All heavy atoms as atom14 arrays in JSON, in Angstrom:
{
  "sequence": "MVIEQAERFGLAQLHQLRGRVGRGSEKSVCLLLRGGALSETAKQR",
  "atom14_mask": [
    [1, 1, 1, 1, 1, 1, 1, 1, 0, 0, 0, 0, 0, 0],
    [1, 1, 1, 1, 1, 1, 1, 0, 0, 0, 0, 0, 0, 0],
    [1, 1, 1, 1, 1, 1, 1, 1, 0, 0, 0, 0, 0, 0],
    [1, 1, 1, 1, 1, 1, 1, 1, 1, 0, 0, 0, 0, 0],
    [1, 1, 1, 1, 1, 1, 1, 1, 1, 0, 0, 0, 0, 0],
    [1, 1, 1, 1, 1, 0, 0, 0, 0, 0, 0, 0, 0, 0],
    [1, 1, 1, 1, 1, 1, 1, 1, 1, 0, 0, 0, 0, 0],
    [1, 1, 1, 1, 1, 1, 1, 1, 1, 1, 1, 0, 0, 0],
    [1, 1, 1, 1, 1, 1, 1, 1, 1, 1, 1, 0, 0, 0],
    [1, 1, 1, 1, 0, 0, 0, 0, 0, 0, 0, 0, 0, 0],
    [1, 1, 1, 1, 1, 1, 1, 1, 0, 0, 0, 0, 0, 0],
    [1, 1, 1, 1, 1, 0, 0, 0, 0, 0, 0, 0, 0, 0],
    [1, 1, 1, 1, 1, 1, 1, 1, 1, 0, 0, 0, 0, 0],
    [1, 1, 1, 1, 1, 1, 1, 1, 0, 0, 0, 0, 0, 0],
    [1, 1, 1, 1, 1, 1, 1, 1, 1, 1, 0, 0, 0, 0],
    [1, 1, 1, 1, 1, 1, 1, 1, 1, 0, 0, 0, 0, 0],
    [1, 1, 1, 1, 1, 1, 1, 1, 0, 0, 0, 0, 0, 0],
    [1, 1, 1, 1, 1, 1, 1, 1, 1, 1, 1, 0, 0, 0],
    [1, 1, 1, 1, 0, 0, 0, 0, 0, 0, 0, 0, 0, 0],
    [1, 1, 1, 1, 1, 1, 1, 1, 1, 1, 1, 0, 0, 0],
    [1, 1, 1, 1, 1, 1, 1, 0, 0, 0, 0, 0, 0, 0],
    [1, 1, 1, 1, 0, 0, 0, 0, 0, 0, 0, 0, 0, 0],
    [1, 1, 1, 1, 1, 1, 1, 1, 1, 1, 1, 0, 0, 0],
    [1, 1, 1, 1, 0, 0, 0, 0, 0, 0, 0, 0, 0, 0],
    [1, 1, 1, 1, 1, 1, 0, 0, 0, 0, 0, 0, 0, 0],
    [1, 1, 1, 1, 1, 1, 1, 1, 1, 0, 0, 0, 0, 0],
    [1, 1, 1, 1, 1, 1, 1, 1, 1, 0, 0, 0, 0, 0],
    [1, 1, 1, 1, 1, 1, 0, 0, 0, 0, 0, 0, 0, 0],
    [1, 1, 1, 1, 1, 1, 1, 0, 0, 0, 0, 0, 0, 0],
    [1, 1, 1, 1, 1, 1, 0, 0, 0, 0, 0, 0, 0, 0],
    [1, 1, 1, 1, 1, 1, 1, 1, 0, 0, 0, 0, 0, 0],
    [1, 1, 1, 1, 1, 1, 1, 1, 0, 0, 0, 0, 0, 0],
    [1, 1, 1, 1, 1, 1, 1, 1, 0, 0, 0, 0, 0, 0],
    [1, 1, 1, 1, 1, 1, 1, 1, 1, 1, 1, 0, 0, 0],
    [1, 1, 1, 1, 0, 0, 0, 0, 0, 0, 0, 0, 0, 0],
    [1, 1, 1, 1, 0, 0, 0, 0, 0, 0, 0, 0, 0, 0],
    [1, 1, 1, 1, 1, 0, 0, 0, 0, 0, 0, 0, 0, 0],
    [1, 1, 1, 1, 1, 1, 1, 1, 0, 0, 0, 0, 0, 0],
    [1, 1, 1, 1, 1, 1, 0, 0, 0, 0, 0, 0, 0, 0],
    [1, 1, 1, 1, 1, 1, 1, 1, 1, 0, 0, 0, 0, 0],
    [1, 1, 1, 1, 1, 1, 1, 0, 0, 0, 0, 0, 0, 0],
    [1, 1, 1, 1, 1, 0, 0, 0, 0, 0, 0, 0, 0, 0],
    [1, 1, 1, 1, 1, 1, 1, 1, 1, 0, 0, 0, 0, 0],
    [1, 1, 1, 1, 1, 1, 1, 1, 1, 0, 0, 0, 0, 0],
    [1, 1, 1, 1, 1, 1, 1, 1, 1, 1, 1, 0, 0, 0]
  ],
  "atom14_positions": [
    [[-11.77, -9.37, -7.4], [-11.38, -9.48, -6.11], [-11.88, -8.37, -5.26], [-11.61, -7.22, -5.58], [-9.78, -9.45, -6.08], [-9.15, -9.28, -4.81], [-9.33, -10.69, -3.7], [-8.35, -11.89, -4.28], [0.0, 0.0, 0.0], [0.0, 0.0, 0.0], [0.0, 0.0, 0.0], [0.0, 0.0, 0.0], [0.0, 0.0, 0.0], [0.0, 0.0, 0.0]],
    [[-12.61, -8.73, -4.13], [-13.0, -7.79, -3.21], [-12.28, -7.95, -1.87], [-12.25, -9.07, -1.38], [-14.63, -7.95, -2.88], [-15.0, -6.8, -1.89], [-15.29, -7.74, -4.18], [0.0, 0.0, 0.0], [0.0, 0.0, 0.0], [0.0, 0.0, 0.0], [0.0, 0.0, 0.0], [0.0, 0.0, 0.0], [0.0, 0.0, 0.0], [0.0, 0.0, 0.0]],
    [[-11.55, -6.97, -1.37], [-10.84, -6.98, -0.16], [-11.56, -6.1, 0.9], [-11.45, -4.87, 0.76], [-9.33, -6.7, -0.26], [-8.79, -7.61, -1.39], [-8.62, -6.92, 1.04], [-7.32, -7.31, -1.74], [0.0, 0.0, 0.0], [0.0, 0.0, 0.0], [0.0, 0.0, 0.0], [0.0, 0.0, 0.0], [0.0, 0.0, 0.0], [0.0, 0.0, 0.0]],
    [[-12.18, -6.74, 1.91], [-12.89, -5.92, 2.9], [-11.97, -5.46, 3.92], [-10.96, -5.97, 4.34], [-13.88, -6.86, 3.51], [-15.04, -6.12, 4.13], [-16.12, -7.08, 4.73], [-16.26, -8.22, 4.23], [-16.88, -6.68, 5.5], [0.0, 0.0, 0.0], [0.0, 0.0, 0.0], [0.0, 0.0, 0.0], [0.0, 0.0, 0.0], [0.0, 0.0, 0.0]],
    [[-12.14, -4.11, 4.31], [-11.32, -3.31, 5.28], [-9.88, -3.46, 4.82], [-8.99, -3.87, 5.6], [-11.59, -3.82, 6.62], [-12.94, -3.46, 7.25], [-13.15, -3.79, 8.69], [-12.19, -3.74, 9.45], [-14.39, -4.03, 9.06], [0.0, 0.0, 0.0], [0.0, 0.0, 0.0], [0.0, 0.0, 0.0], [0.0, 0.0, 0.0], [0.0, 0.0, 0.0]],
    [[-9.56, -3.08, 3.68], [-8.26, -3.26, 3.0], [-7.2, -2.43, 3.79], [-6.03, -2.77, 3.81], [-8.3, -2.79, 1.52], [0.0, 0.0, 0.0], [0.0, 0.0, 0.0], [0.0, 0.0, 0.0], [0.0, 0.0, 0.0], [0.0, 0.0, 0.0], [0.0, 0.0, 0.0], [0.0, 0.0, 0.0], [0.0, 0.0, 0.0], [0.0, 0.0, 0.0]],
    [[-7.67, -1.38, 4.58], [-6.63, -0.66, 5.26], [-5.95, -1.38, 6.37], [-4.95, -0.95, 6.96], [-7.31, 0.58, 5.83], [-8.28, 0.51, 7.06], [-9.72, 0.11, 6.58], [-9.94, -0.19, 5.41], [-10.62, 0.06, 7.51], [0.0, 0.0, 0.0], [0.0, 0.0, 0.0], [0.0, 0.0, 0.0], [0.0, 0.0, 0.0], [0.0, 0.0, 0.0]],
    [[-6.56, -2.57, 6.83], [-5.95, -3.35, 7.83], [-4.81, -4.24, 7.36], [-4.11, -4.89, 8.15], [-7.06, -4.27, 8.45], [-8.11, -3.46, 9.25], [-9.12, -4.55, 9.88], [-10.05, -3.82, 10.64], [-9.99, -3.6, 11.92], [-8.81, -3.88, 12.63], [-10.86, -2.91, 12.63], [0.0, 0.0, 0.0], [0.0, 0.0, 0.0], [0.0, 0.0, 0.0]],
    [[-4.64, -4.33, 6.01], [-3.57, -5.23, 5.56], [-2.26, -4.43, 5.26], [-2.49, -3.31, 4.82], [-4.07, -5.92, 4.25], [-5.28, -6.8, 4.39], [-6.63, -6.34, 4.3], [-5.05, -8.13, 4.68], [-7.72, -7.21, 4.52], [-6.23, -9.03, 4.97], [-7.44, -8.55, 4.79], [0.0, 0.0, 0.0], [0.0, 0.0, 0.0], [0.0, 0.0, 0.0]],
    [[-1.25, -5.09, 5.2], [0.02, -4.47, 4.71], [0.05, -4.49, 3.24], [-0.72, -5.15, 2.52], [0.0, 0.0, 0.0], [0.0, 0.0, 0.0], [0.0, 0.0, 0.0], [0.0, 0.0, 0.0], [0.0, 0.0, 0.0], [0.0, 0.0, 0.0], [0.0, 0.0, 0.0], [0.0, 0.0, 0.0], [0.0, 0.0, 0.0], [0.0, 0.0, 0.0]],
    [[0.95, -3.62, 2.59], [1.09, -3.49, 1.17], [1.43, -4.86, 0.49], [0.84, -5.22, -0.52], [2.14, -2.49, 0.72], [1.73, -1.11, 0.54], [2.88, -0.15, 0.22], [0.7, -1.0, -0.63], [0.0, 0.0, 0.0], [0.0, 0.0, 0.0], [0.0, 0.0, 0.0], [0.0, 0.0, 0.0], [0.0, 0.0, 0.0], [0.0, 0.0, 0.0]],
    [[2.4, -5.52, 1.12], [2.82, -6.79, 0.47], [1.64, -7.82, 0.41], [1.42, -8.48, -0.59], [3.93, -7.41, 1.27], [0.0, 0.0, 0.0], [0.0, 0.0, 0.0], [0.0, 0.0, 0.0], [0.0, 0.0, 0.0], [0.0, 0.0, 0.0], [0.0, 0.0, 0.0], [0.0, 0.0, 0.0], [0.0, 0.0, 0.0], [0.0, 0.0, 0.0]],
    [[0.85, -7.85, 1.44], [-0.3, -8.78, 1.51], [-1.32, -8.38, 0.45], [-2.02, -9.21, -0.25], [-0.82, -8.79, 2.82], [-1.41, -10.08, 3.22], [-1.74, -10.18, 4.85], [-1.88, -9.27, 5.47], [-1.76, -11.45, 5.23], [0.0, 0.0, 0.0], [0.0, 0.0, 0.0], [0.0, 0.0, 0.0], [0.0, 0.0, 0.0], [0.0, 0.0, 0.0]],
    [[-1.65, -7.08, 0.44], [-2.61, -6.57, -0.49], [-2.21, -6.97, -1.99], [-3.06, -7.36, -2.84], [-2.87, -5.08, -0.36], [-3.6, -4.51, 0.73], [-3.52, -2.92, 0.83], [-5.03, -4.97, 0.79], [0.0, 0.0, 0.0], [0.0, 0.0, 0.0], [0.0, 0.0, 0.0], [0.0, 0.0, 0.0], [0.0, 0.0, 0.0], [0.0, 0.0, 0.0]],
    [[-0.89, -6.79, -2.24], [-0.4, -7.13, -3.51], [-0.51, -8.52, -3.91], [-0.9, -8.98, -4.93], [1.06, -6.62, -3.62], [1.76, -6.89, -4.88], [1.27, -6.33, -6.05], [2.82, -7.65, -5.31], [2.06, -6.69, -7.12], [3.02, -7.53, -6.59], [0.0, 0.0, 0.0], [0.0, 0.0, 0.0], [0.0, 0.0, 0.0], [0.0, 0.0, 0.0]],
    [[-0.22, -9.38, -2.83], [-0.42, -10.88, -3.06], [-1.81, -11.27, -3.34], [-2.19, -12.09, -4.2], [0.06, -11.6, -1.84], [1.57, -11.74, -1.69], [2.16, -12.44, -2.81], [1.6, -13.54, -3.23], [3.28, -12.08, -3.26], [0.0, 0.0, 0.0], [0.0, 0.0, 0.0], [0.0, 0.0, 0.0], [0.0, 0.0, 0.0], [0.0, 0.0, 0.0]],
    [[-2.75, -10.73, -2.61], [-4.17, -11.05, -2.72], [-4.69, -10.5, -4.1], [-5.41, -11.17, -4.72], [-5.0, -10.35, -1.62], [-4.8, -10.95, -0.23], [-5.43, -10.0, 0.85], [-5.45, -12.34, -0.11], [0.0, 0.0, 0.0], [0.0, 0.0, 0.0], [0.0, 0.0, 0.0], [0.0, 0.0, 0.0], [0.0, 0.0, 0.0], [0.0, 0.0, 0.0]],
    [[-4.29, -9.28, -4.47], [-4.66, -8.77, -5.88], [-4.23, -9.74, -6.88], [-4.87, -9.87, -7.95], [-4.09, -7.41, -5.98], [-4.44, -6.84, -7.4], [-4.1, -5.35, -7.54], [-2.65, -5.04, -7.24], [-2.12, -3.84, -7.2], [-2.86, -2.8, -7.41], [-0.88, -3.57, -7.0], [0.0, 0.0, 0.0], [0.0, 0.0, 0.0], [0.0, 0.0, 0.0]],
    [[-3.06, -10.34, -6.64], [-2.43, -11.26, -7.72], [-3.18, -12.46, -7.88], [-2.82, -13.24, -8.8], [0.0, 0.0, 0.0], [0.0, 0.0, 0.0], [0.0, 0.0, 0.0], [0.0, 0.0, 0.0], [0.0, 0.0, 0.0], [0.0, 0.0, 0.0], [0.0, 0.0, 0.0], [0.0, 0.0, 0.0], [0.0, 0.0, 0.0], [0.0, 0.0, 0.0]],
    [[-4.26, -12.73, -7.12], [-5.05, -13.92, -7.41], [-5.94, -13.79, -8.6], [-6.4, -14.73, -9.27], [-6.02, -14.3, -6.21], [-5.33, -14.6, -4.9], [-4.25, -15.61, -4.98], [-2.85, -15.03, -5.02], [-1.9, -15.5, -5.71], [-1.97, -16.54, -6.52], [-0.65, -14.86, -5.65], [0.0, 0.0, 0.0], [0.0, 0.0, 0.0], [0.0, 0.0, 0.0]],
    [[-6.18, -12.52, -9.04], [-6.89, -12.31, -10.25], [-5.92, -11.74, -11.35], [-4.78, -11.55, -11.07], [-8.07, -11.21, -10.01], [-9.14, -11.75, -9.05], [-7.55, -9.86, -9.56], [0.0, 0.0, 0.0], [0.0, 0.0, 0.0], [0.0, 0.0, 0.0], [0.0, 0.0, 0.0], [0.0, 0.0, 0.0], [0.0, 0.0, 0.0], [0.0, 0.0, 0.0]],
    [[-6.4, -11.53, -12.51], [-5.51, -11.15, -13.6], [-4.7, -12.22, -14.16], [-3.65, -11.98, -14.75], [0.0, 0.0, 0.0], [0.0, 0.0, 0.0], [0.0, 0.0, 0.0], [0.0, 0.0, 0.0], [0.0, 0.0, 0.0], [0.0, 0.0, 0.0], [0.0, 0.0, 0.0], [0.0, 0.0, 0.0], [0.0, 0.0, 0.0], [0.0, 0.0, 0.0]],
    [[-5.29, -13.53, -14.02], [-4.47, -14.67, -14.49], [-4.88, -15.2, -15.89], [-4.32, -16.07, -16.36], [-4.5, -15.71, -13.39], [-3.73, -15.33, -12.25], [-3.8, -16.1, -11.01], [-2.81, -15.72, -10.1], [-1.6, -16.37, -9.97], [-1.31, -17.38, -10.69], [-0.64, -15.85, -9.15], [0.0, 0.0, 0.0], [0.0, 0.0, 0.0], [0.0, 0.0, 0.0]],
    [[-6.06, -14.65, -16.37], [-6.51, -15.12, -17.68], [-6.49, -14.01, -18.61], [-5.76, -13.01, -18.43], [0.0, 0.0, 0.0], [0.0, 0.0, 0.0], [0.0, 0.0, 0.0], [0.0, 0.0, 0.0], [0.0, 0.0, 0.0], [0.0, 0.0, 0.0], [0.0, 0.0, 0.0], [0.0, 0.0, 0.0], [0.0, 0.0, 0.0], [0.0, 0.0, 0.0]],
    [[-7.21, -14.08, -19.78], [-7.07, -13.05, -20.73], [-8.07, -11.91, -20.55], [-8.03, -10.9, -21.16], [-7.33, -13.78, -22.13], [-8.54, -14.44, -22.09], [0.0, 0.0, 0.0], [0.0, 0.0, 0.0], [0.0, 0.0, 0.0], [0.0, 0.0, 0.0], [0.0, 0.0, 0.0], [0.0, 0.0, 0.0], [0.0, 0.0, 0.0], [0.0, 0.0, 0.0]],
    [[-9.02, -12.15, -19.66], [-10.1, -11.22, -19.34], [-9.62, -10.08, -18.5], [-8.71, -10.25, -17.64], [-11.34, -11.87, -18.68], [-11.92, -12.91, -19.53], [-12.71, -12.31, -20.8], [-13.34, -11.34, -20.7], [-12.43, -12.9, -21.86], [0.0, 0.0, 0.0], [0.0, 0.0, 0.0], [0.0, 0.0, 0.0], [0.0, 0.0, 0.0], [0.0, 0.0, 0.0]],
    [[-10.13, -8.82, -18.62], [-9.88, -7.7, -17.74], [-10.24, -8.06, -16.24], [-11.39, -8.55, -16.07], [-10.67, -6.54, -18.26], [-10.42, -5.24, -17.55], [-9.26, -4.56, -18.03], [-9.11, -3.23, -17.31], [-7.64, -2.82, -17.08], [0.0, 0.0, 0.0], [0.0, 0.0, 0.0], [0.0, 0.0, 0.0], [0.0, 0.0, 0.0], [0.0, 0.0, 0.0]],
    [[-9.46, -7.74, -15.35], [-9.72, -8.06, -13.88], [-9.8, -6.81, -13.14], [-9.15, -5.74, -13.5], [-8.63, -8.97, -13.35], [-8.67, -10.26, -13.81], [0.0, 0.0, 0.0], [0.0, 0.0, 0.0], [0.0, 0.0, 0.0], [0.0, 0.0, 0.0], [0.0, 0.0, 0.0], [0.0, 0.0, 0.0], [0.0, 0.0, 0.0], [0.0, 0.0, 0.0]],
    [[-10.57, -6.83, -11.99], [-10.86, -5.73, -11.16], [-10.57, -6.09, -9.77], [-11.02, -7.21, -9.27], [-12.28, -5.2, -11.32], [-12.48, -4.12, -10.35], [-12.66, -4.75, -12.78], [0.0, 0.0, 0.0], [0.0, 0.0, 0.0], [0.0, 0.0, 0.0], [0.0, 0.0, 0.0], [0.0, 0.0, 0.0], [0.0, 0.0, 0.0], [0.0, 0.0, 0.0]],
    [[-10.0, -5.12, -9.04], [-9.71, -5.47, -7.59], [-10.35, -4.25, -6.72], [-9.92, -3.09, -7.05], [-8.29, -5.48, -7.26], [-7.87, -5.65, -5.51], [0.0, 0.0, 0.0], [0.0, 0.0, 0.0], [0.0, 0.0, 0.0], [0.0, 0.0, 0.0], [0.0, 0.0, 0.0], [0.0, 0.0, 0.0], [0.0, 0.0, 0.0], [0.0, 0.0, 0.0]],
    [[-11.34, -4.55, -5.97], [-11.96, -3.47, -5.17], [-11.48, -3.52, -3.76], [-11.64, -4.5, -3.02], [-13.47, -3.75, -5.09], [-14.22, -3.71, -6.55], [-15.64, -4.0, -6.37], [-14.06, -2.37, -7.26], [0.0, 0.0, 0.0], [0.0, 0.0, 0.0], [0.0, 0.0, 0.0], [0.0, 0.0, 0.0], [0.0, 0.0, 0.0], [0.0, 0.0, 0.0]],
    [[-10.88, -2.38, -3.27], [-10.35, -2.28, -1.93], [-11.37, -1.58, -1.07], [-11.59, -0.37, -1.21], [-9.01, -1.56, -1.94], [-7.86, -2.09, -2.89], [-6.71, -1.17, -2.83], [-7.53, -3.52, -2.3], [0.0, 0.0, 0.0], [0.0, 0.0, 0.0], [0.0, 0.0, 0.0], [0.0, 0.0, 0.0], [0.0, 0.0, 0.0], [0.0, 0.0, 0.0]],
    [[-12.09, -2.31, -0.26], [-13.14, -1.63, 0.6], [-12.56, -1.08, 1.75], [-11.89, -1.82, 2.45], [-14.2, -2.76, 0.93], [-15.18, -3.09, -0.04], [-16.15, -4.1, 0.56], [-16.08, -1.92, -0.53], [0.0, 0.0, 0.0], [0.0, 0.0, 0.0], [0.0, 0.0, 0.0], [0.0, 0.0, 0.0], [0.0, 0.0, 0.0], [0.0, 0.0, 0.0]],
    [[-12.72, 0.26, 2.01], [-11.98, 0.82, 3.14], [-13.01, 1.31, 4.22], [-14.21, 1.62, 3.83], [-11.14, 1.95, 2.7], [-11.9, 3.09, 2.04], [-11.19, 4.35, 1.95], [-11.99, 5.48, 1.35], [-12.92, 6.2, 1.93], [-13.2, 5.97, 3.17], [-13.5, 7.17, 1.2], [0.0, 0.0, 0.0], [0.0, 0.0, 0.0], [0.0, 0.0, 0.0]],
    [[-12.62, 1.41, 5.43], [-13.37, 1.85, 6.5], [-13.47, 3.39, 6.55], [-12.96, 4.03, 5.58], [0.0, 0.0, 0.0], [0.0, 0.0, 0.0], [0.0, 0.0, 0.0], [0.0, 0.0, 0.0], [0.0, 0.0, 0.0], [0.0, 0.0, 0.0], [0.0, 0.0, 0.0], [0.0, 0.0, 0.0], [0.0, 0.0, 0.0], [0.0, 0.0, 0.0]],
    [[-14.06, 4.01, 7.51], [-14.26, 5.44, 7.57], [-13.07, 6.23, 7.93], [-12.45, 7.02, 7.06], [0.0, 0.0, 0.0], [0.0, 0.0, 0.0], [0.0, 0.0, 0.0], [0.0, 0.0, 0.0], [0.0, 0.0, 0.0], [0.0, 0.0, 0.0], [0.0, 0.0, 0.0], [0.0, 0.0, 0.0], [0.0, 0.0, 0.0], [0.0, 0.0, 0.0]],
    [[-12.53, 6.05, 9.18], [-11.36, 6.73, 9.64], [-10.06, 6.11, 9.19], [-9.79, 5.08, 9.75], [-11.45, 6.97, 11.14], [0.0, 0.0, 0.0], [0.0, 0.0, 0.0], [0.0, 0.0, 0.0], [0.0, 0.0, 0.0], [0.0, 0.0, 0.0], [0.0, 0.0, 0.0], [0.0, 0.0, 0.0], [0.0, 0.0, 0.0], [0.0, 0.0, 0.0]],
    [[-9.29, 6.81, 8.33], [-8.04, 6.16, 7.81], [-6.88, 6.84, 8.44], [-6.9, 8.07, 8.5], [-8.04, 6.13, 6.37], [-8.94, 5.31, 5.56], [-8.57, 5.36, 4.02], [-8.95, 3.86, 5.94], [0.0, 0.0, 0.0], [0.0, 0.0, 0.0], [0.0, 0.0, 0.0], [0.0, 0.0, 0.0], [0.0, 0.0, 0.0], [0.0, 0.0, 0.0]],
    [[-5.83, 6.06, 8.86], [-4.56, 6.73, 9.3], [-3.9, 7.29, 8.08], [-4.19, 6.79, 6.82], [-3.74, 5.78, 10.03], [-3.32, 4.82, 9.15], [0.0, 0.0, 0.0], [0.0, 0.0, 0.0], [0.0, 0.0, 0.0], [0.0, 0.0, 0.0], [0.0, 0.0, 0.0], [0.0, 0.0, 0.0], [0.0, 0.0, 0.0], [0.0, 0.0, 0.0]],
    [[-2.91, 8.11, 8.25], [-2.12, 8.59, 7.1], [-1.46, 7.52, 6.36], [-1.44, 7.45, 5.12], [-1.06, 9.65, 7.57], [-1.28, 11.17, 7.31], [-2.18, 11.49, 6.15], [-1.69, 11.26, 5.03], [-3.3, 11.86, 6.36], [0.0, 0.0, 0.0], [0.0, 0.0, 0.0], [0.0, 0.0, 0.0], [0.0, 0.0, 0.0], [0.0, 0.0, 0.0]],
    [[-0.97, 6.54, 7.14], [-0.25, 5.43, 6.49], [-1.21, 4.55, 5.7], [-0.8, 4.15, 4.59], [0.37, 4.49, 7.7], [1.22, 5.29, 8.43], [1.17, 3.36, 7.08], [0.0, 0.0, 0.0], [0.0, 0.0, 0.0], [0.0, 0.0, 0.0], [0.0, 0.0, 0.0], [0.0, 0.0, 0.0], [0.0, 0.0, 0.0], [0.0, 0.0, 0.0]],
    [[-2.41, 4.35, 6.19], [-3.37, 3.53, 5.43], [-3.77, 4.24, 4.1], [-3.84, 3.67, 3.07], [-4.62, 3.37, 6.39], [0.0, 0.0, 0.0], [0.0, 0.0, 0.0], [0.0, 0.0, 0.0], [0.0, 0.0, 0.0], [0.0, 0.0, 0.0], [0.0, 0.0, 0.0], [0.0, 0.0, 0.0], [0.0, 0.0, 0.0], [0.0, 0.0, 0.0]],
    [[-3.88, 5.61, 4.2], [-4.15, 6.38, 2.99], [-3.1, 6.2, 1.9], [-3.37, 5.96, 0.79], [-4.4, 7.84, 3.34], [-5.72, 8.22, 3.91], [-5.76, 9.67, 4.19], [-7.02, 10.01, 5.09], [-6.88, 11.35, 5.72], [0.0, 0.0, 0.0], [0.0, 0.0, 0.0], [0.0, 0.0, 0.0], [0.0, 0.0, 0.0], [0.0, 0.0, 0.0]],
    [[-1.81, 6.25, 2.35], [-0.72, 6.13, 1.45], [-0.64, 4.7, 0.83], [-0.43, 4.57, -0.26], [0.6, 6.45, 2.16], [0.8, 7.94, 2.42], [2.03, 8.2, 3.26], [1.93, 8.11, 4.47], [3.17, 8.41, 2.66], [0.0, 0.0, 0.0], [0.0, 0.0, 0.0], [0.0, 0.0, 0.0], [0.0, 0.0, 0.0], [0.0, 0.0, 0.0]],
    [[-0.93, 3.7, 1.68], [-0.91, 2.35, 1.2], [-1.89, 2.17, 0.16], [-1.65, 1.64, -0.91], [-1.31, 1.35, 2.4], [-0.13, 0.8, 3.16], [-0.61, -0.34, 3.95], [0.37, -0.47, 5.08], [0.19, -0.59, 6.33], [-1.13, -0.68, 6.69], [1.07, -0.75, 7.17], [0.0, 0.0, 0.0], [0.0, 0.0, 0.0], [0.0, 0.0, 0.0]]
  ]
}
């Protein structure tokens, strides 16, 4: 799962999107692509 500009999403939404993978027996990866200038809240998320 690749989520572009992940800092624009809320935590609940990121968690839901990540939940689309990891549904089989294989190892799953979620890549959160972030922009340059992040707010404190975005960093914590």
